[in-house]
Protein backbone atom coordinates (compact mmCIF):
# COMPACT_ATOMS: atom_id res chain seq x y z
CA MET A 1 -11.96 -11.44 -21.57
CA LYS A 2 -10.83 -10.55 -18.08
CA GLN A 3 -10.58 -6.84 -17.36
CA ALA A 4 -7.84 -4.89 -15.62
CA ILE A 5 -7.54 -4.78 -11.85
CA PRO A 6 -10.66 -2.94 -10.63
CA ILE A 7 -10.20 0.40 -8.85
CA TYR A 8 -12.63 1.24 -6.03
CA ASP A 9 -13.44 4.53 -4.36
CA ILE A 10 -15.06 4.85 -0.95
CA SER A 11 -18.54 5.63 -2.24
CA SER A 12 -18.57 2.51 -4.44
CA ILE A 13 -18.16 0.22 -1.41
CA SER A 14 -20.23 2.24 1.07
CA GLU A 15 -23.95 1.62 1.47
CA ALA A 16 -24.36 5.14 2.88
CA GLY A 17 -22.49 6.65 -0.04
CA GLN A 18 -19.72 8.21 2.06
CA SER A 19 -17.03 9.87 -0.03
CA ASP A 20 -14.42 10.85 2.58
CA ILE A 21 -14.33 8.19 5.30
CA LEU A 22 -15.72 4.72 5.98
CA VAL A 23 -15.29 2.94 9.34
CA SER A 24 -16.47 -0.61 10.03
CA ARG A 25 -15.81 -3.80 11.94
CA PHE A 26 -13.74 -5.92 9.63
CA ALA A 27 -15.91 -9.05 9.72
CA GLU A 28 -18.94 -7.06 8.53
CA TYR A 29 -16.89 -5.29 5.87
CA ALA A 30 -15.40 -8.51 4.49
CA GLN A 31 -18.78 -10.25 4.46
CA ALA A 32 -20.42 -7.37 2.59
CA HIS A 33 -17.65 -7.14 0.00
CA HIS A 34 -16.67 -10.63 -1.12
CA HIS A 35 -15.32 -9.25 -4.38
CA LEU A 36 -12.56 -7.47 -2.44
CA HIS A 37 -10.93 -10.83 -1.73
CA TYR A 38 -9.55 -10.76 -5.28
CA PRO A 39 -6.86 -8.36 -6.58
CA HIS A 40 -8.09 -4.76 -6.66
CA ARG A 41 -6.91 -1.21 -6.11
CA HIS A 42 -8.19 1.66 -3.97
CA ASN A 43 -8.00 5.37 -4.73
CA PHE A 44 -8.06 6.03 -0.96
CA TYR A 45 -6.02 5.23 2.15
CA HIS A 46 -6.91 1.85 3.65
CA ILE A 47 -6.11 0.77 7.23
CA VAL A 48 -6.94 -2.56 8.86
CA LEU A 49 -6.28 -3.71 12.42
CA PHE A 50 -6.80 -7.46 12.85
CA THR A 51 -7.94 -8.62 16.28
CA LYS A 52 -8.48 -12.26 15.34
CA GLY A 53 -8.02 -14.54 12.37
CA GLY A 54 -5.51 -16.26 10.11
CA GLY A 55 -4.62 -16.71 6.49
CA ALA A 56 -2.93 -14.09 4.37
CA HIS A 57 -3.34 -10.72 2.74
CA ALA A 58 -1.27 -9.47 -0.18
CA ILE A 59 -0.17 -5.92 -0.98
CA ASP A 60 1.40 -5.30 -4.39
CA PHE A 61 1.80 -9.07 -4.83
CA GLU A 62 3.73 -9.55 -1.57
CA SER A 63 1.97 -11.85 0.90
CA PHE A 64 1.74 -11.32 4.68
CA ASP A 65 0.41 -13.72 7.32
CA VAL A 66 -2.65 -12.46 9.19
CA ARG A 67 -2.10 -12.22 12.96
CA PRO A 68 -4.12 -10.69 15.82
CA TYR A 69 -3.09 -7.09 16.52
CA GLN A 70 -1.37 -6.72 13.21
CA ILE A 71 -2.10 -3.40 11.52
CA TYR A 72 -1.49 -2.59 7.89
CA PHE A 73 -1.52 0.71 6.03
CA MET A 74 -2.18 1.05 2.31
CA ILE A 75 -1.82 4.12 0.14
CA PRO A 76 -3.87 4.88 -2.99
CA GLY A 77 -2.95 2.83 -6.06
CA GLN A 78 -1.59 -0.28 -4.38
CA VAL A 79 -2.92 -3.70 -5.44
CA HIS A 80 -4.50 -5.74 -2.68
CA SER A 81 -6.17 -9.12 -2.07
CA TRP A 82 -7.19 -11.38 0.85
CA ASP A 83 -7.08 -15.13 1.45
CA PHE A 84 -8.35 -15.72 4.98
CA GLU A 85 -8.60 -18.87 7.06
CA GLY A 86 -11.32 -19.22 9.69
CA GLU A 87 -13.05 -16.31 11.41
CA VAL A 88 -11.36 -12.96 10.92
CA ASP A 89 -12.27 -9.70 12.66
CA GLY A 90 -10.90 -6.32 13.59
CA TYR A 91 -11.45 -2.81 12.24
CA VAL A 92 -11.23 -1.20 8.81
CA ILE A 93 -10.88 2.51 8.06
CA ASN A 94 -10.90 3.98 4.58
CA PHE A 95 -10.34 7.69 4.08
CA SER A 96 -9.90 9.86 1.01
CA THR A 97 -6.71 11.62 -0.04
CA SER A 98 -8.33 14.96 0.83
CA PHE A 99 -9.66 13.95 4.27
CA PHE A 100 -6.84 15.62 6.20
CA GLN A 101 -5.97 18.39 3.75
CA SER A 102 -8.73 20.76 4.86
CA PHE A 103 -7.95 20.08 8.52
CA LEU A 104 -4.18 20.51 8.69
CA LEU A 105 -2.11 23.46 7.54
CA ARG A 106 0.37 20.96 6.11
CA PRO A 107 -1.35 18.91 3.37
CA ASP A 108 1.67 16.60 3.23
CA TYR A 109 1.58 15.84 6.97
CA LEU A 110 0.85 12.13 6.46
CA ASP A 111 4.14 11.80 4.61
CA ASN A 112 5.86 12.08 8.00
CA PHE A 113 4.74 8.53 8.80
CA VAL A 114 6.91 5.83 7.24
CA PHE A 115 3.98 3.44 6.82
CA PHE A 116 2.50 5.81 4.22
CA ASN A 117 5.62 5.93 2.04
CA GLY A 118 4.71 2.88 -0.06
CA SER A 119 7.45 0.65 1.41
CA LEU A 120 5.85 -2.68 2.31
CA SER A 121 8.51 -3.48 4.90
CA GLN A 122 7.13 -0.60 7.00
CA ALA A 123 3.43 -0.84 6.11
CA VAL A 124 2.56 -4.05 7.99
CA ILE A 125 3.20 -3.78 11.74
CA ASP A 126 2.63 -6.04 14.74
CA ILE A 127 1.38 -3.99 17.69
CA PRO A 128 3.37 -4.98 20.82
CA PRO A 129 1.31 -6.45 23.72
CA ALA A 130 1.88 -3.40 25.92
CA LYS A 131 0.09 -1.16 23.39
CA GLN A 132 -2.62 -3.49 22.12
CA GLN A 133 -5.30 -2.45 24.61
CA HIS A 134 -4.71 1.25 24.00
CA VAL A 135 -4.79 0.90 20.21
CA GLY A 136 -7.91 -1.28 20.41
CA CYS A 137 -9.67 1.32 22.59
CA VAL A 138 -8.90 4.11 20.12
CA PHE A 139 -10.28 2.04 17.26
CA GLU A 140 -13.46 1.48 19.29
CA GLN A 141 -13.72 5.25 19.80
CA ILE A 142 -13.32 5.78 16.07
CA LEU A 143 -16.04 3.23 15.32
CA LEU A 144 -18.40 4.78 17.88
CA GLU A 145 -17.83 8.31 16.59
CA ALA A 146 -18.37 7.24 12.98
CA THR A 147 -21.64 5.57 14.00
CA ASN A 148 -22.94 8.54 16.03
CA GLN A 149 -22.39 11.11 13.26
CA GLU A 150 -22.59 14.04 15.68
CA ARG A 151 -21.49 17.63 15.16
CA PHE A 152 -17.73 17.99 14.49
CA GLY A 153 -17.66 14.21 14.15
CA ASN A 154 -15.20 14.16 11.24
CA ASP A 155 -12.83 16.46 13.10
CA LEU A 156 -12.85 14.13 16.09
CA LEU A 157 -12.27 11.19 13.74
CA ARG A 158 -9.26 13.01 12.33
CA THR A 159 -7.75 13.59 15.76
CA LEU A 160 -8.34 9.96 16.77
CA LEU A 161 -6.73 8.74 13.55
CA LEU A 162 -3.74 10.98 14.14
CA GLN A 163 -3.45 9.43 17.59
CA ILE A 164 -3.27 5.97 15.98
CA PHE A 165 -0.65 7.15 13.49
CA ILE A 166 1.54 8.67 16.21
CA VAL A 167 1.28 5.67 18.56
CA VAL A 168 2.15 3.23 15.75
CA SER A 169 4.94 5.49 14.53
CA ARG A 170 6.46 5.51 18.02
CA THR A 171 6.18 1.72 18.08
CA ILE A 172 8.19 1.49 14.86
CA THR A 173 10.83 3.82 16.30
CA GLU A 174 11.09 1.59 19.36
CA GLN A 175 11.77 -1.34 17.01
CA ASP A 176 15.10 0.18 15.93
CA VAL A 177 13.98 1.64 12.61
CA PRO A 178 16.64 4.19 11.57
CA VAL A 179 15.73 7.78 12.44
CA VAL A 180 15.91 9.90 9.28
CA SER A 181 16.43 13.66 9.36
CA THR A 182 13.65 15.88 8.07
CA TYR A 183 15.83 16.96 5.14
CA ASN A 184 16.50 13.36 4.11
CA GLN A 185 12.82 12.46 4.60
CA VAL A 186 11.88 15.19 2.13
CA LEU A 187 14.58 14.09 -0.32
CA LEU A 188 13.49 10.46 -0.20
CA ARG A 189 9.81 11.38 -0.51
CA ASN A 190 10.54 13.60 -3.52
CA PHE A 191 12.67 10.85 -5.07
CA ARG A 192 9.78 8.39 -4.75
CA LEU A 193 7.37 10.92 -6.24
CA LEU A 194 9.69 11.52 -9.18
CA ILE A 195 10.03 7.77 -9.75
CA ASP A 196 6.25 7.39 -9.79
CA LYS A 197 6.04 10.13 -12.39
CA HIS A 198 8.97 9.20 -14.63
CA PHE A 199 9.83 5.50 -14.07
CA ASN A 200 8.85 4.51 -17.60
CA VAL A 201 11.22 7.12 -19.07
CA LEU A 202 14.01 7.76 -16.55
CA ARG A 203 15.84 4.66 -15.34
CA LEU A 204 19.18 6.01 -14.09
CA PRO A 205 19.87 7.40 -10.59
CA ARG A 206 21.89 10.29 -12.04
CA GLU A 207 18.81 11.50 -13.94
CA TYR A 208 16.83 11.72 -10.70
CA ALA A 209 19.77 13.21 -8.79
CA GLU A 210 19.83 16.01 -11.33
CA LEU A 211 16.13 16.70 -10.78
CA LEU A 212 16.72 16.73 -7.00
CA TYR A 213 19.76 19.04 -7.30
CA ILE A 214 22.03 16.56 -5.52
CA THR A 215 24.85 14.29 -6.65
CA PRO A 216 24.26 10.65 -7.64
CA ASN A 217 26.56 9.60 -4.79
CA HIS A 218 24.41 11.53 -2.30
CA LEU A 219 21.24 9.91 -3.65
CA ASN A 220 22.73 6.42 -3.45
CA ALA A 221 24.03 7.03 0.08
CA LEU A 222 20.59 8.26 1.15
CA CYS A 223 18.88 5.12 -0.21
CA ASN A 224 21.47 2.72 1.19
CA ASP A 225 21.36 4.33 4.63
CA THR A 226 17.57 4.56 4.93
CA LEU A 227 16.28 1.70 2.76
CA GLY A 228 19.18 -0.72 2.73
CA PHE A 229 19.51 -0.77 -1.05
CA SER A 230 20.62 1.53 -3.86
CA ALA A 231 18.75 4.24 -5.73
CA GLY A 232 18.93 2.11 -8.87
CA GLU A 233 17.20 -0.77 -7.11
CA LEU A 234 14.38 1.50 -5.94
CA ILE A 235 13.81 2.52 -9.56
CA ARG A 236 13.89 -1.11 -10.73
CA LYS A 237 11.46 -2.16 -7.99
CA ARG A 238 8.98 0.44 -9.25
CA VAL A 239 9.32 -0.77 -12.85
CA ILE A 240 8.81 -4.38 -11.75
CA LEU A 241 5.78 -3.42 -9.65
CA GLU A 242 4.14 -1.63 -12.59
CA SER A 243 4.95 -4.61 -14.80
CA LYS A 244 3.10 -6.92 -12.40
CA ARG A 245 0.14 -4.57 -12.19
CA LEU A 246 -0.13 -4.46 -15.98
CA LEU A 247 0.31 -8.22 -16.37
CA VAL A 248 -2.87 -8.82 -14.38
CA ASN A 249 -4.75 -7.17 -17.27
CA LEU A 250 -5.23 -9.89 -19.86
CA ASN A 251 -6.40 -7.32 -22.40
CA LEU A 252 -2.76 -6.29 -22.73
CA SER A 253 -0.23 -8.52 -24.45
CA VAL A 254 3.27 -8.82 -23.02
CA SER A 255 4.51 -6.93 -26.06
CA GLU A 256 2.08 -4.06 -25.40
CA ILE A 257 3.19 -3.93 -21.75
CA ALA A 258 6.82 -3.76 -22.83
CA ASP A 259 5.93 -0.88 -25.11
CA GLN A 260 4.00 0.96 -22.36
CA LEU A 261 7.01 0.65 -20.07
CA ASN A 262 9.30 1.97 -22.80
CA PHE A 263 11.40 -1.14 -23.28
CA SER A 264 13.08 -1.37 -26.67
CA ASP A 265 11.47 -4.74 -27.39
CA ASN A 266 9.53 -7.60 -25.83
CA SER A 267 12.63 -9.79 -25.46
CA TYR A 268 14.48 -7.17 -23.40
CA PHE A 269 11.45 -6.67 -21.16
CA SER A 270 11.08 -10.43 -20.59
CA LYS A 271 14.78 -10.80 -19.70
CA PHE A 272 14.58 -7.82 -17.31
CA PHE A 273 11.44 -9.16 -15.62
CA LYS A 274 12.79 -12.69 -15.21
CA LYS A 275 16.15 -11.42 -13.90
CA TYR A 276 14.49 -9.61 -10.99
CA THR A 277 11.51 -11.89 -10.29
CA GLY A 278 12.77 -15.36 -11.21
CA VAL A 279 9.89 -16.02 -13.62
CA SER A 280 8.97 -14.82 -17.08
CA PRO A 281 6.06 -12.36 -17.58
CA GLU A 282 3.97 -15.19 -19.02
CA GLU A 283 4.70 -17.44 -16.02
CA PHE A 284 3.86 -14.66 -13.57
CA ARG A 285 0.53 -14.02 -15.32
CA LYS A 286 -0.29 -17.73 -15.38
CA ASN A 287 0.54 -18.18 -11.69
CA ILE A 288 -1.57 -15.19 -10.61
CA PHE A 289 -4.70 -16.42 -12.35
CA LYS A 290 -4.13 -20.05 -11.38
CA LYS A 291 -4.03 -18.93 -7.73
CA GLU A 292 -7.18 -16.83 -8.15
CA LYS A 293 -9.00 -19.73 -9.84
CA ASN A 294 -8.00 -22.10 -7.02
CA GLU A 295 -9.23 -19.63 -4.38
CA GLN A 296 -12.56 -19.30 -6.15
CA SER A 297 -12.96 -23.10 -6.18
CA GLY A 298 -11.82 -23.46 -2.56
CA ILE A 299 -8.50 -25.15 -3.35
CA LYS A 300 -5.54 -24.11 -1.14
């Protein structure tokens, strides 16, 4: 019987056994790891800059077209798969959750960048033509430094990566993404963290507002202003996402998944899932594995 979505760490996909960072040209990486074309998770941060190619890549079951000078950022735990067309190349960088913690006085520094907040609408970015050469040059520097393995090499890699993060972050700002105050950034980040911890038990915005020491109206206004939807919808999105992740595991029945997610019964879970996805849990599961089977046999 098919197992759950596999979870990979850096050392398991690195020939050199690196545990903190892996840097490679994307074509070489994809060729060496064919199994990564199919749905899987990472327990590390994963960044890819495409410089050529087509097809699609999916993050948490949402598909994105592959385009040259598109960069995507993934955080630990997200589900990912590829379905490329033709020759694809670029750069890939994987780094552990602790890679920056010993280097920066603020271990949560990466949370300042919106593409690391788990929102897919801000995690896949097209680099504008005016910045493509600069970004490409920095990636080449990162690749060269990772290959040389000289003294203080990891520290230089960290500074180069931070340069990428800042340049891309400024690009997003230039694209009219709302500027959020530091206070609201912290609130929203803490709300997301609380959802990740309690989504299978707490389903109401007022329960999270109480934990954040703010009013439900404040929490809803924060989500509407920064995300474009309510606090309740953010909670529901997380429940739906976990439902999809669990449905890929055929060792779990739909009834067992409903129980894990703390639904009163299987019927209620199925109605909830279909209301917000348009398909039943069984249909979603069937479609996912039909697509994977077609990809394995070369059918588009």
